[in-house]
Amino acid sequence: RCAGVSADIAVHPRGRPPDPSHAPLMPLPQMVPAVRAIADRLMWEGAIISAFAELLPEGATERPAGGGDWTVVQVFAHLAINERLHAGNLERYLRGEVPRPPGFDINQWNAETVGAARETPVSESLDILAQERARLYTMFSTIDDRMLERDFVPGRALGAALSAWAGHYAEHAFDIIEVVPELHLAPIIVRWLARLDLEA
């Protein structure tokens, strides 16, 4: 891979799931290695989520997921809404502001925002995810190693927060696999699951 260049994946218009190993290259700003590793994981997990969307059988978006409180389409919306939240929080932090207001209740916020997203098309959620990843990549270029050690919110360093955001996709991907077992048959999903096993 060329320095400063990586792959971001869009949904394939003809229904073929994206494969990160055959992705077009796009320029990225320079990042310190620890931050670049987080950016690379976001790209890989974003590609997998796009593949999930392409591989969903007809009617699967309305299956209950995430413990039954949401549907599959709402899981995609949740990922998009949270990526927008993450980008906004990081933007405020880098301006020297409080990332999120005191007393912010993420569970209540999730319930309200995802509840209102029942009709949001999966394609719209994927577009939002791509846009917010691009915002994050730009901000990532301004973060150095010393900043990663500083508190993002009380008791949590910035580096830990960014790593958790990068793992958010995988957490909810399993919610989808649980109710759409057909996805287990797709080679790209098999490779992704094998990679997770190796990283565990």
C-alpha atoms as a PDB file:
ATOM      1  CA  ARG A   1       0.000   0.000   0.000  1.00  0.00           C
ATOM      2  CA  CYS A   2       1.291   3.468  -0.823  1.00  0.00           C
ATOM      3  CA  ALA A   3       2.051   5.771   2.098  1.00  0.00           C
ATOM      4  CA  GLY A   4      -0.843   8.051   2.908  1.00  0.00           C
ATOM      5  CA  VAL A   5      -3.237   6.108   0.699  1.00  0.00           C
ATOM      6  CA  SER A   6      -5.907   3.642   1.674  1.00  0.00           C
ATOM      7  CA  ALA A   7      -9.160   2.131   0.489  1.00  0.00           C
ATOM      8  CA  ASP A   8     -12.667   3.245   1.288  1.00  0.00           C
ATOM      9  CA  ILE A   9     -15.541   1.211  -0.046  1.00  0.00           C
ATOM     10  CA  ALA A  10     -18.815   2.257  -1.592  1.00  0.00           C
ATOM     11  CA  VAL A  11     -21.793  -0.021  -2.136  1.00  0.00           C
ATOM     12  CA  HIS A  12     -21.473  -1.698  -5.520  1.00  0.00           C
ATOM     13  CA  PRO A  13     -24.325  -0.534  -7.792  1.00  0.00           C
ATOM     14  CA  ARG A  14     -24.781  -3.958  -9.395  1.00  0.00           C
ATOM     15  CA  GLY A  15     -25.212  -5.834  -6.157  1.00  0.00           C
ATOM     16  CA  ARG A  16     -21.737  -7.386  -5.932  1.00  0.00           C
ATOM     17  CA  PRO A  17     -20.462  -6.938  -2.377  1.00  0.00           C
ATOM     18  CA  PRO A  18     -17.356  -4.786  -2.031  1.00  0.00           C
ATOM     19  CA  ASP A  19     -14.047  -6.469  -1.385  1.00  0.00           C
ATOM     20  CA  PRO A  20     -11.466  -4.355   0.459  1.00  0.00           C
ATOM     21  CA  SER A  21      -8.602  -6.167  -1.269  1.00  0.00           C
ATOM     22  CA  HIS A  22      -9.813  -4.917  -4.677  1.00  0.00           C
ATOM     23  CA  ALA A  23     -10.878  -1.422  -3.612  1.00  0.00           C
ATOM     24  CA  PRO A  24     -10.018   1.813  -5.404  1.00  0.00           C
ATOM     25  CA  LEU A  25      -7.380   3.860  -3.631  1.00  0.00           C
ATOM     26  CA  MET A  26      -8.100   7.251  -2.159  1.00  0.00           C
ATOM     27  CA  PRO A  27      -5.661   9.733  -0.645  1.00  0.00           C
ATOM     28  CA  LEU A  28      -5.677  10.200   3.099  1.00  0.00           C
ATOM     29  CA  PRO A  29      -3.938  12.890   5.120  1.00  0.00           C
ATOM     30  CA  GLN A  30      -0.826  11.854   7.004  1.00  0.00           C
ATOM     31  CA  MET A  31      -1.462  10.398  10.453  1.00  0.00           C
ATOM     32  CA  VAL A  32       0.713   9.107  13.259  1.00  0.00           C
ATOM     33  CA  PRO A  33       0.848   5.276  13.124  1.00  0.00           C
ATOM     34  CA  ALA A  34      -1.466   4.669  16.092  1.00  0.00           C
ATOM     35  CA  VAL A  35      -4.167   6.881  14.601  1.00  0.00           C
ATOM     36  CA  ARG A  36      -3.635   5.450  11.114  1.00  0.00           C
ATOM     37  CA  ALA A  37      -4.287   1.973  12.509  1.00  0.00           C
ATOM     38  CA  ILE A  38      -7.642   3.181  13.832  1.00  0.00           C
ATOM     39  CA  ALA A  39      -8.464   4.797  10.477  1.00  0.00           C
ATOM     40  CA  ASP A  40      -7.608   1.558   8.664  1.00  0.00           C
ATOM     41  CA  ARG A  41      -9.905  -0.401  10.948  1.00  0.00           C
ATOM     42  CA  LEU A  42     -12.729   2.067  10.319  1.00  0.00           C
ATOM     43  CA  MET A  43     -12.266   1.566   6.583  1.00  0.00           C
ATOM     44  CA  TRP A  44     -12.231  -2.213   6.825  1.00  0.00           C
ATOM     45  CA  GLU A  45     -15.265  -2.353   9.086  1.00  0.00           C
ATOM     46  CA  GLY A  46     -17.046   0.168   6.875  1.00  0.00           C
ATOM     47  CA  ALA A  47     -16.439  -2.100   3.899  1.00  0.00           C
ATOM     48  CA  ILE A  48     -17.922  -5.033   5.791  1.00  0.00           C
ATOM     49  CA  ILE A  49     -21.031  -3.068   6.736  1.00  0.00           C
ATOM     50  CA  SER A  50     -21.463  -2.124   3.061  1.00  0.00           C
ATOM     51  CA  ALA A  51     -21.089  -5.784   2.142  1.00  0.00           C
ATOM     52  CA  PHE A  52     -23.741  -6.719   4.683  1.00  0.00           C
ATOM     53  CA  ALA A  53     -26.127  -4.258   3.049  1.00  0.00           C
ATOM     54  CA  GLU A  54     -25.507  -5.721  -0.404  1.00  0.00           C
ATOM     55  CA  LEU A  55     -25.970  -9.289   0.768  1.00  0.00           C
ATOM     56  CA  LEU A  56     -29.182  -8.862   2.749  1.00  0.00           C
ATOM     57  CA  PRO A  57     -31.948 -11.093   1.376  1.00  0.00           C
ATOM     58  CA  GLU A  58     -35.281  -9.543   0.503  1.00  0.00           C
ATOM     59  CA  GLY A  59     -37.238  -8.493   3.578  1.00  0.00           C
ATOM     60  CA  ALA A  60     -34.297  -8.890   5.953  1.00  0.00           C
ATOM     61  CA  THR A  61     -34.169  -5.197   6.818  1.00  0.00           C
ATOM     62  CA  GLU A  62     -37.372  -5.578   8.842  1.00  0.00           C
ATOM     63  CA  ARG A  63     -36.168  -8.513  10.929  1.00  0.00           C
ATOM     64  CA  PRO A  64     -35.802  -7.750  14.648  1.00  0.00           C
ATOM     65  CA  ALA A  65     -32.196  -7.276  15.737  1.00  0.00           C
ATOM     66  CA  GLY A  66     -30.152  -6.040  18.665  1.00  0.00           C
ATOM     67  CA  GLY A  67     -32.171  -7.937  21.229  1.00  0.00           C
ATOM     68  CA  GLY A  68     -35.445  -7.329  19.429  1.00  0.00           C
ATOM     69  CA  ASP A  69     -35.783  -3.613  20.191  1.00  0.00           C
ATOM     70  CA  TRP A  70     -34.620  -2.540  16.730  1.00  0.00           C
ATOM     71  CA  THR A  71     -34.944  -3.840  13.200  1.00  0.00           C
ATOM     72  CA  VAL A  72     -31.981  -4.491  10.915  1.00  0.00           C
ATOM     73  CA  VAL A  73     -32.608  -1.197   9.106  1.00  0.00           C
ATOM     74  CA  GLN A  74     -32.449   0.576  12.462  1.00  0.00           C
ATOM     75  CA  VAL A  75     -29.110  -1.036  13.252  1.00  0.00           C
ATOM     76  CA  PHE A  76     -27.687   0.543  10.083  1.00  0.00           C
ATOM     77  CA  ALA A  77     -29.272   3.866  11.061  1.00  0.00           C
ATOM     78  CA  HIS A  78     -27.782   3.574  14.564  1.00  0.00           C
ATOM     79  CA  LEU A  79     -24.291   3.135  13.130  1.00  0.00           C
ATOM     80  CA  ALA A  80     -24.726   6.204  10.930  1.00  0.00           C
ATOM     81  CA  ILE A  81     -26.216   8.365  13.682  1.00  0.00           C
ATOM     82  CA  ASN A  82     -23.449   7.402  16.100  1.00  0.00           C
ATOM     83  CA  GLU A  83     -20.713   8.068  13.557  1.00  0.00           C
ATOM     84  CA  ARG A  84     -22.129  11.573  13.161  1.00  0.00           C
ATOM     85  CA  LEU A  85     -22.149  11.923  16.954  1.00  0.00           C
ATOM     86  CA  HIS A  86     -18.530  10.721  17.161  1.00  0.00           C
ATOM     87  CA  ALA A  87     -17.387  13.179  14.509  1.00  0.00           C
ATOM     88  CA  GLY A  88     -19.177  16.055  16.211  1.00  0.00           C
ATOM     89  CA  ASN A  89     -17.751  15.141  19.612  1.00  0.00           C
ATOM     90  CA  LEU A  90     -14.213  14.951  18.227  1.00  0.00           C
ATOM     91  CA  GLU A  91     -14.629  18.249  16.414  1.00  0.00           C
ATOM     92  CA  ARG A  92     -15.647  19.984  19.649  1.00  0.00           C
ATOM     93  CA  TYR A  93     -12.815  18.323  21.563  1.00  0.00           C
ATOM     94  CA  LEU A  94     -10.217  19.496  19.062  1.00  0.00           C
ATOM     95  CA  ARG A  95     -11.564  23.038  19.383  1.00  0.00           C
ATOM     96  CA  GLY A  96     -10.955  22.840  23.118  1.00  0.00           C
ATOM     97  CA  GLU A  97     -14.624  22.465  23.986  1.00  0.00           C
ATOM     98  CA  VAL A  98     -16.380  19.824  26.080  1.00  0.00           C
ATOM     99  CA  PRO A  99     -17.078  16.920  23.652  1.00  0.00           C
ATOM    100  CA  ARG A 100     -20.527  16.198  25.039  1.00  0.00           C
ATOM    101  CA  PRO A 101     -22.672  18.003  27.598  1.00  0.00           C
ATOM    102  CA  PRO A 102     -22.626  16.922  31.248  1.00  0.00           C
ATOM    103  CA  GLY A 103     -25.350  14.416  32.005  1.00  0.00           C
ATOM    104  CA  PHE A 104     -25.598  13.230  28.410  1.00  0.00           C
ATOM    105  CA  ASP A 105     -27.355   9.850  28.443  1.00  0.00           C
ATOM    106  CA  ILE A 106     -26.210   7.794  25.462  1.00  0.00           C
ATOM    107  CA  ASN A 107     -28.832   5.094  26.029  1.00  0.00           C
ATOM    108  CA  GLN A 108     -31.699   7.578  26.029  1.00  0.00           C
ATOM    109  CA  TRP A 109     -30.230   9.367  23.037  1.00  0.00           C
ATOM    110  CA  ASN A 110     -29.902   6.075  21.130  1.00  0.00           C
ATOM    111  CA  ALA A 111     -33.478   5.101  21.942  1.00  0.00           C
ATOM    112  CA  GLU A 112     -34.828   8.433  20.707  1.00  0.00           C
ATOM    113  CA  THR A 113     -32.754   8.773  17.553  1.00  0.00           C
ATOM    114  CA  VAL A 114     -32.965   5.165  16.422  1.00  0.00           C
ATOM    115  CA  GLY A 115     -36.652   5.013  17.219  1.00  0.00           C
ATOM    116  CA  ALA A 116     -37.171   7.891  14.804  1.00  0.00           C
ATOM    117  CA  ALA A 117     -35.107   6.163  12.084  1.00  0.00           C
ATOM    118  CA  ARG A 118     -37.362   3.186  11.380  1.00  0.00           C
ATOM    119  CA  GLU A 119     -38.003   4.364   7.823  1.00  0.00           C
ATOM    120  CA  THR A 120     -34.447   5.458   7.014  1.00  0.00           C
ATOM    121  CA  PRO A 121     -33.235   3.559   3.918  1.00  0.00           C
ATOM    122  CA  VAL A 122     -30.072   1.516   4.400  1.00  0.00           C
ATOM    123  CA  SER A 123     -28.514   3.341   1.432  1.00  0.00           C
ATOM    124  CA  GLU A 124     -28.982   6.665   3.235  1.00  0.00           C
ATOM    125  CA  SER A 125     -27.331   5.300   6.373  1.00  0.00           C
ATOM    126  CA  LEU A 126     -24.367   4.063   4.324  1.00  0.00           C
ATOM    127  CA  ASP A 127     -23.993   7.507   2.717  1.00  0.00           C
ATOM    128  CA  ILE A 128     -23.938   9.146   6.156  1.00  0.00           C
ATOM    129  CA  LEU A 129     -21.361   6.636   7.382  1.00  0.00           C
ATOM    130  CA  ALA A 130     -19.058   7.423   4.445  1.00  0.00           C
ATOM    131  CA  GLN A 131     -19.434  11.182   4.936  1.00  0.00           C
ATOM    132  CA  GLU A 132     -18.744  11.039   8.664  1.00  0.00           C
ATOM    133  CA  ARG A 133     -15.737   8.730   8.193  1.00  0.00           C
ATOM    134  CA  ALA A 134     -14.312  11.327   5.823  1.00  0.00           C
ATOM    135  CA  ARG A 135     -14.763  14.005   8.523  1.00  0.00           C
ATOM    136  CA  LEU A 136     -13.029  11.771  11.054  1.00  0.00           C
ATOM    137  CA  TYR A 137     -10.096  11.071   8.727  1.00  0.00           C
ATOM    138  CA  THR A 138      -9.493  14.805   8.281  1.00  0.00           C
ATOM    139  CA  MET A 139      -9.507  15.373  12.030  1.00  0.00           C
ATOM    140  CA  PHE A 140      -7.337  12.306  12.651  1.00  0.00           C
ATOM    141  CA  SER A 141      -4.519  14.046  10.779  1.00  0.00           C
ATOM    142  CA  THR A 142      -4.316  16.688  13.526  1.00  0.00           C
ATOM    143  CA  ILE A 143      -3.885  14.180  16.388  1.00  0.00           C
ATOM    144  CA  ASP A 144      -0.429  13.305  17.692  1.00  0.00           C
ATOM    145  CA  ASP A 145       0.717  10.596  20.091  1.00  0.00           C
ATOM    146  CA  ARG A 146       0.659  12.886  23.128  1.00  0.00           C
ATOM    147  CA  MET A 147      -2.970  13.814  22.486  1.00  0.00           C
ATOM    148  CA  LEU A 148      -3.957  10.143  22.459  1.00  0.00           C
ATOM    149  CA  GLU A 149      -2.944   9.901  26.118  1.00  0.00           C
ATOM    150  CA  ARG A 150      -4.991  12.874  27.261  1.00  0.00           C
ATOM    151  CA  ASP A 151      -8.531  12.564  28.603  1.00  0.00           C
ATOM    152  CA  PHE A 152     -11.259  12.823  25.993  1.00  0.00           C
ATOM    153  CA  VAL A 153     -13.873  12.642  28.717  1.00  0.00           C
ATOM    154  CA  PRO A 154     -13.076  12.167  32.413  1.00  0.00           C
ATOM    155  CA  GLY A 155     -11.538   8.738  32.918  1.00  0.00           C
ATOM    156  CA  ARG A 156     -11.172   7.886  29.227  1.00  0.00           C
ATOM    157  CA  ALA A 157      -8.209   8.795  27.058  1.00  0.00           C
ATOM    158  CA  LEU A 158      -8.708   9.994  23.502  1.00  0.00           C
ATOM    159  CA  GLY A 159      -6.915   6.927  22.104  1.00  0.00           C
ATOM    160  CA  ALA A 160      -9.262   4.588  23.967  1.00  0.00           C
ATOM    161  CA  ALA A 161     -12.298   6.499  22.737  1.00  0.00           C
ATOM    162  CA  LEU A 162     -11.173   6.360  19.094  1.00  0.00           C
ATOM    163  CA  SER A 163     -10.455   2.622  19.356  1.00  0.00           C
ATOM    164  CA  ALA A 164     -13.916   2.017  20.791  1.00  0.00           C
ATOM    165  CA  TRP A 165     -15.494   3.934  17.917  1.00  0.00           C
ATOM    166  CA  ALA A 166     -13.611   1.799  15.408  1.00  0.00           C
ATOM    167  CA  GLY A 167     -14.943  -1.356  17.060  1.00  0.00           C
ATOM    168  CA  HIS A 168     -18.548  -0.162  17.036  1.00  0.00           C
ATOM    169  CA  TYR A 169     -19.225  -1.518  13.543  1.00  0.00           C
ATOM    170  CA  ALA A 170     -18.229  -5.069  14.462  1.00  0.00           C
ATOM    171  CA  GLU A 171     -20.324  -5.032  17.619  1.00  0.00           C
ATOM    172  CA  HIS A 172     -23.500  -4.379  15.662  1.00  0.00           C
ATOM    173  CA  ALA A 173     -22.485  -6.480  12.671  1.00  0.00           C
ATOM    174  CA  PHE A 174     -22.940  -9.472  14.948  1.00  0.00           C
ATOM    175  CA  ASP A 175     -26.450  -8.261  15.780  1.00  0.00           C
ATOM    176  CA  ILE A 176     -27.210  -8.466  12.058  1.00  0.00           C
ATOM    177  CA  ILE A 177     -25.537 -11.848  11.510  1.00  0.00           C
ATOM    178  CA  GLU A 178     -27.543 -13.296  14.378  1.00  0.00           C
ATOM    179  CA  VAL A 179     -30.850 -12.603  12.613  1.00  0.00           C
ATOM    180  CA  VAL A 180     -29.585 -12.946   9.021  1.00  0.00           C
ATOM    181  CA  PRO A 181     -27.625 -16.216   9.160  1.00  0.00           C
ATOM    182  CA  GLU A 182     -27.526 -16.325   5.361  1.00  0.00           C
ATOM    183  CA  LEU A 183     -24.615 -13.879   5.599  1.00  0.00           C
ATOM    184  CA  HIS A 184     -22.385 -16.657   6.952  1.00  0.00           C
ATOM    185  CA  LEU A 185     -22.176 -18.080   3.429  1.00  0.00           C
ATOM    186  CA  ALA A 186     -20.585 -15.015   1.829  1.00  0.00           C
ATOM    187  CA  PRO A 187     -16.795 -15.317   1.310  1.00  0.00           C
ATOM    188  CA  ILE A 188     -16.121 -11.721   2.385  1.00  0.00           C
ATOM    189  CA  ILE A 189     -17.978 -12.322   5.669  1.00  0.00           C
ATOM    190  CA  VAL A 190     -16.109 -15.605   6.211  1.00  0.00           C
ATOM    191  CA  ARG A 191     -12.792 -13.754   5.754  1.00  0.00           C
ATOM    192  CA  TRP A 192     -13.875 -11.018   8.114  1.00  0.00           C
ATOM    193  CA  LEU A 193     -14.899 -13.497  10.827  1.00  0.00           C
ATOM    194  CA  ALA A 194     -11.581 -15.322  10.412  1.00  0.00           C
ATOM    195  CA  ARG A 195      -9.706 -12.045  10.784  1.00  0.00           C
ATOM    196  CA  LEU A 196     -11.564 -11.284  14.016  1.00  0.00           C
ATOM    197  CA  ASP A 197     -10.591 -14.710  15.346  1.00  0.00           C
ATOM    198  CA  LEU A 198      -6.933 -14.001  14.581  1.00  0.00           C
ATOM    199  CA  GLU A 199      -7.095 -10.609  16.294  1.00  0.00           C
ATOM    200  CA  ALA A 200      -8.812 -11.975  19.418  1.00  0.00           C
END
